[in-house]
N, C-alpha and C. Protein backbone atom coordinates (compact mmCIF):
# COMPACT_ATOMS: atom_id res chain seq x y z
N MET A 1 11.71 21.40 -56.31
CA MET A 1 10.54 21.95 -55.68
C MET A 1 9.36 22.06 -56.69
N ALA A 2 8.29 21.70 -56.31
CA ALA A 2 7.13 21.57 -57.18
C ALA A 2 6.66 22.96 -57.46
N ALA A 3 6.19 23.15 -58.83
CA ALA A 3 5.68 24.35 -59.28
C ALA A 3 4.22 24.55 -58.56
N ARG A 4 4.00 25.77 -58.26
CA ARG A 4 2.71 26.05 -57.74
C ARG A 4 1.80 26.62 -58.73
N GLY A 5 0.47 26.13 -58.84
CA GLY A 5 -0.47 26.51 -59.85
C GLY A 5 -1.06 27.90 -59.47
N ALA A 6 -1.85 28.37 -60.46
CA ALA A 6 -2.56 29.67 -60.20
C ALA A 6 -3.66 29.47 -59.33
N ILE A 7 -4.04 30.61 -58.71
CA ILE A 7 -5.16 30.59 -57.66
C ILE A 7 -6.50 30.42 -58.48
N ASN A 8 -7.38 29.48 -58.13
CA ASN A 8 -8.62 29.33 -58.67
C ASN A 8 -9.57 30.25 -57.95
N LEU A 9 -10.15 31.33 -58.67
CA LEU A 9 -10.92 32.26 -58.02
C LEU A 9 -12.34 31.76 -57.61
N VAL A 10 -12.90 30.68 -58.27
CA VAL A 10 -14.10 30.08 -57.90
C VAL A 10 -14.03 29.35 -56.56
N ARG A 11 -12.90 28.62 -56.43
CA ARG A 11 -12.60 27.97 -55.22
C ARG A 11 -12.34 28.89 -53.93
N LEU A 12 -11.63 30.00 -54.39
CA LEU A 12 -11.31 30.97 -53.41
C LEU A 12 -12.58 31.73 -52.81
N SER A 13 -13.46 31.97 -53.74
CA SER A 13 -14.73 32.69 -53.29
C SER A 13 -15.50 31.71 -52.55
N THR A 14 -15.48 30.46 -52.79
CA THR A 14 -16.25 29.45 -52.15
C THR A 14 -15.77 29.26 -50.65
N ILE A 15 -14.49 29.34 -50.51
CA ILE A 15 -13.85 29.20 -49.15
C ILE A 15 -14.13 30.48 -48.40
N ILE A 16 -14.07 31.65 -49.00
CA ILE A 16 -14.42 32.86 -48.28
C ILE A 16 -15.86 32.90 -47.79
N ALA A 17 -16.76 32.50 -48.72
CA ALA A 17 -18.20 32.42 -48.35
C ALA A 17 -18.42 31.57 -47.17
N VAL A 18 -17.82 30.31 -47.35
CA VAL A 18 -18.00 29.31 -46.25
C VAL A 18 -17.44 29.81 -44.91
N SER A 19 -16.33 30.58 -45.04
CA SER A 19 -15.74 30.98 -43.73
C SER A 19 -16.62 32.00 -43.10
N ILE A 20 -17.16 32.91 -43.84
CA ILE A 20 -18.13 33.86 -43.35
C ILE A 20 -19.37 33.25 -42.80
N LEU A 21 -20.03 32.28 -43.47
CA LEU A 21 -21.19 31.69 -43.08
C LEU A 21 -20.96 30.87 -41.78
N VAL A 22 -19.97 29.92 -41.86
CA VAL A 22 -19.72 29.08 -40.74
C VAL A 22 -19.14 29.86 -39.48
N GLY A 23 -18.36 30.87 -39.79
CA GLY A 23 -17.82 31.63 -38.68
C GLY A 23 -18.82 32.35 -37.97
N THR A 24 -19.82 33.02 -38.62
CA THR A 24 -20.81 33.73 -37.79
C THR A 24 -21.69 32.80 -36.99
N GLU A 25 -21.97 31.57 -37.62
CA GLU A 25 -22.82 30.62 -36.89
C GLU A 25 -22.02 30.05 -35.70
N VAL A 26 -20.86 29.54 -35.86
CA VAL A 26 -20.13 28.90 -34.82
C VAL A 26 -19.77 29.94 -33.73
N VAL A 27 -19.18 31.10 -34.06
CA VAL A 27 -18.77 32.03 -33.05
C VAL A 27 -20.07 32.62 -32.40
N GLY A 28 -21.07 32.92 -33.11
CA GLY A 28 -22.27 33.55 -32.56
C GLY A 28 -23.01 32.49 -31.64
N ALA A 29 -23.04 31.21 -32.05
CA ALA A 29 -23.75 30.25 -31.16
C ALA A 29 -22.91 30.04 -29.93
N SER A 30 -21.60 29.95 -30.07
CA SER A 30 -20.79 29.67 -28.80
C SER A 30 -20.84 30.94 -27.92
N TRP A 31 -20.80 32.18 -28.45
CA TRP A 31 -20.99 33.30 -27.61
C TRP A 31 -22.30 33.33 -26.95
N ALA A 32 -23.36 33.00 -27.60
CA ALA A 32 -24.69 33.02 -27.11
C ALA A 32 -24.79 31.86 -26.03
N ALA A 33 -24.08 30.79 -26.13
CA ALA A 33 -24.13 29.72 -25.16
C ALA A 33 -23.53 30.17 -23.81
N GLY A 34 -22.49 30.93 -23.94
CA GLY A 34 -21.88 31.55 -22.78
C GLY A 34 -22.74 32.56 -22.09
N TRP A 35 -23.40 33.27 -22.81
CA TRP A 35 -24.42 34.32 -22.30
C TRP A 35 -25.58 33.60 -21.62
N ALA A 36 -26.13 32.53 -22.26
CA ALA A 36 -27.16 31.71 -21.73
C ALA A 36 -26.85 30.98 -20.46
N ILE A 37 -25.72 30.31 -20.41
CA ILE A 37 -25.29 29.68 -19.19
C ILE A 37 -25.01 30.61 -18.07
N GLY A 38 -24.39 31.76 -18.31
CA GLY A 38 -24.23 32.87 -17.26
C GLY A 38 -25.66 33.33 -16.83
N GLY A 39 -26.59 33.56 -17.62
CA GLY A 39 -27.90 33.93 -17.18
C GLY A 39 -28.67 32.90 -16.38
N ILE A 40 -28.64 31.65 -16.92
CA ILE A 40 -29.42 30.52 -16.24
C ILE A 40 -28.79 30.34 -14.82
N MET A 41 -27.46 30.29 -14.72
CA MET A 41 -26.90 30.12 -13.38
C MET A 41 -26.81 31.40 -12.52
N GLN A 42 -27.26 32.56 -13.16
CA GLN A 42 -27.29 33.72 -12.37
C GLN A 42 -25.97 34.16 -11.73
N LEU A 43 -24.93 34.07 -12.69
CA LEU A 43 -23.61 34.33 -12.32
C LEU A 43 -23.41 35.95 -12.22
N PRO A 44 -22.48 36.39 -11.45
CA PRO A 44 -22.10 37.82 -11.39
C PRO A 44 -21.80 38.27 -12.77
N HIS A 45 -21.98 39.61 -13.13
CA HIS A 45 -21.72 40.19 -14.41
C HIS A 45 -20.26 39.81 -14.93
N THR A 46 -19.33 40.00 -14.05
CA THR A 46 -17.89 39.63 -14.43
C THR A 46 -17.73 38.21 -14.86
N PHE A 47 -18.22 37.27 -14.13
CA PHE A 47 -18.13 35.82 -14.39
C PHE A 47 -18.89 35.55 -15.74
N SER A 48 -20.06 36.13 -15.90
CA SER A 48 -20.82 35.99 -17.04
C SER A 48 -20.06 36.42 -18.37
N ARG A 49 -19.48 37.56 -18.24
CA ARG A 49 -18.67 38.03 -19.51
C ARG A 49 -17.45 37.17 -19.70
N ALA A 50 -16.85 36.70 -18.58
CA ALA A 50 -15.69 35.81 -18.75
C ALA A 50 -16.01 34.55 -19.43
N LEU A 51 -17.25 33.96 -19.06
CA LEU A 51 -17.70 32.77 -19.64
C LEU A 51 -18.11 33.01 -21.18
N GLU A 52 -18.65 34.20 -21.53
CA GLU A 52 -18.93 34.56 -22.92
C GLU A 52 -17.56 34.63 -23.74
N VAL A 53 -16.54 35.23 -23.12
CA VAL A 53 -15.23 35.24 -23.81
C VAL A 53 -14.60 33.88 -24.03
N ILE A 54 -14.81 33.05 -23.04
CA ILE A 54 -14.20 31.74 -23.16
C ILE A 54 -14.96 31.01 -24.27
N PHE A 55 -16.21 31.04 -24.18
CA PHE A 55 -16.98 30.33 -25.21
C PHE A 55 -16.73 30.95 -26.65
N GLY A 56 -16.69 32.20 -26.70
CA GLY A 56 -16.36 32.91 -27.93
C GLY A 56 -15.00 32.54 -28.56
N LEU A 57 -13.96 32.48 -27.74
CA LEU A 57 -12.68 32.08 -28.18
C LEU A 57 -12.70 30.58 -28.61
N SER A 58 -13.45 29.81 -27.89
CA SER A 58 -13.53 28.38 -28.42
C SER A 58 -14.29 28.36 -29.64
N GLY A 59 -15.22 29.14 -29.98
CA GLY A 59 -15.80 29.22 -31.32
C GLY A 59 -14.73 29.56 -32.45
N PHE A 60 -13.90 30.47 -32.13
CA PHE A 60 -12.74 30.83 -33.06
C PHE A 60 -11.95 29.60 -33.32
N VAL A 61 -11.62 28.94 -32.26
CA VAL A 61 -10.82 27.72 -32.40
C VAL A 61 -11.53 26.63 -33.27
N LEU A 62 -12.71 26.44 -33.05
CA LEU A 62 -13.49 25.53 -33.89
C LEU A 62 -13.50 26.01 -35.33
N LEU A 63 -13.59 27.36 -35.50
CA LEU A 63 -13.59 27.81 -36.93
C LEU A 63 -12.23 27.66 -37.64
N TYR A 64 -11.20 27.76 -36.84
CA TYR A 64 -9.84 27.52 -37.33
C TYR A 64 -9.72 26.06 -37.92
N PHE A 65 -10.11 25.08 -37.02
CA PHE A 65 -10.10 23.69 -37.43
C PHE A 65 -11.02 23.42 -38.59
N PHE A 66 -12.09 23.98 -38.60
CA PHE A 66 -13.03 23.86 -39.78
C PHE A 66 -12.43 24.38 -41.05
N MET A 67 -11.84 25.55 -40.98
CA MET A 67 -11.22 26.06 -42.22
C MET A 67 -9.97 25.30 -42.65
N ARG A 68 -9.29 24.80 -41.71
CA ARG A 68 -8.13 23.97 -42.04
C ARG A 68 -8.56 22.76 -42.83
N THR A 69 -9.70 22.16 -42.39
CA THR A 69 -10.14 20.96 -43.13
C THR A 69 -10.82 21.32 -44.42
N ALA A 70 -11.48 22.43 -44.49
CA ALA A 70 -12.00 22.87 -45.74
C ALA A 70 -10.98 23.09 -46.79
N LEU A 71 -9.86 23.72 -46.39
CA LEU A 71 -8.79 23.91 -47.31
C LEU A 71 -8.12 22.67 -47.73
N ARG A 72 -8.09 21.72 -46.89
CA ARG A 72 -7.52 20.40 -47.29
C ARG A 72 -8.41 19.85 -48.34
N HIS A 73 -9.65 19.91 -48.31
CA HIS A 73 -10.56 19.18 -49.19
C HIS A 73 -10.90 20.02 -50.41
N GLU A 74 -10.74 21.40 -50.32
CA GLU A 74 -10.98 22.33 -51.48
C GLU A 74 -9.77 23.23 -51.58
N PRO A 75 -8.75 22.72 -52.26
CA PRO A 75 -7.50 23.55 -52.34
C PRO A 75 -7.74 24.77 -53.23
N ILE A 76 -7.08 25.89 -52.89
CA ILE A 76 -7.28 27.15 -53.67
C ILE A 76 -6.47 27.11 -54.90
N ARG A 77 -5.31 26.60 -54.97
CA ARG A 77 -4.47 26.40 -56.14
C ARG A 77 -4.72 25.13 -56.96
N ASP A 78 -4.69 25.44 -58.25
CA ASP A 78 -4.89 24.24 -59.17
C ASP A 78 -3.76 23.23 -59.25
């Protein structure tokens, strides 16, 4: 079994900062897109909220895949 290195705090702080920045952008933009589409199409309140939730959840999925790729390119352990 390979020995695991120590956690690099600079890389860890970079990953945390990127996750906060990209997370707010992606989730916020996707949530706003659901709100905008519901408003433009003049959907009932329930359908508009459901669309916002669906788009918001898709933003979290995109954030997950982004973070998975970021950790692959910028490993936390040395």
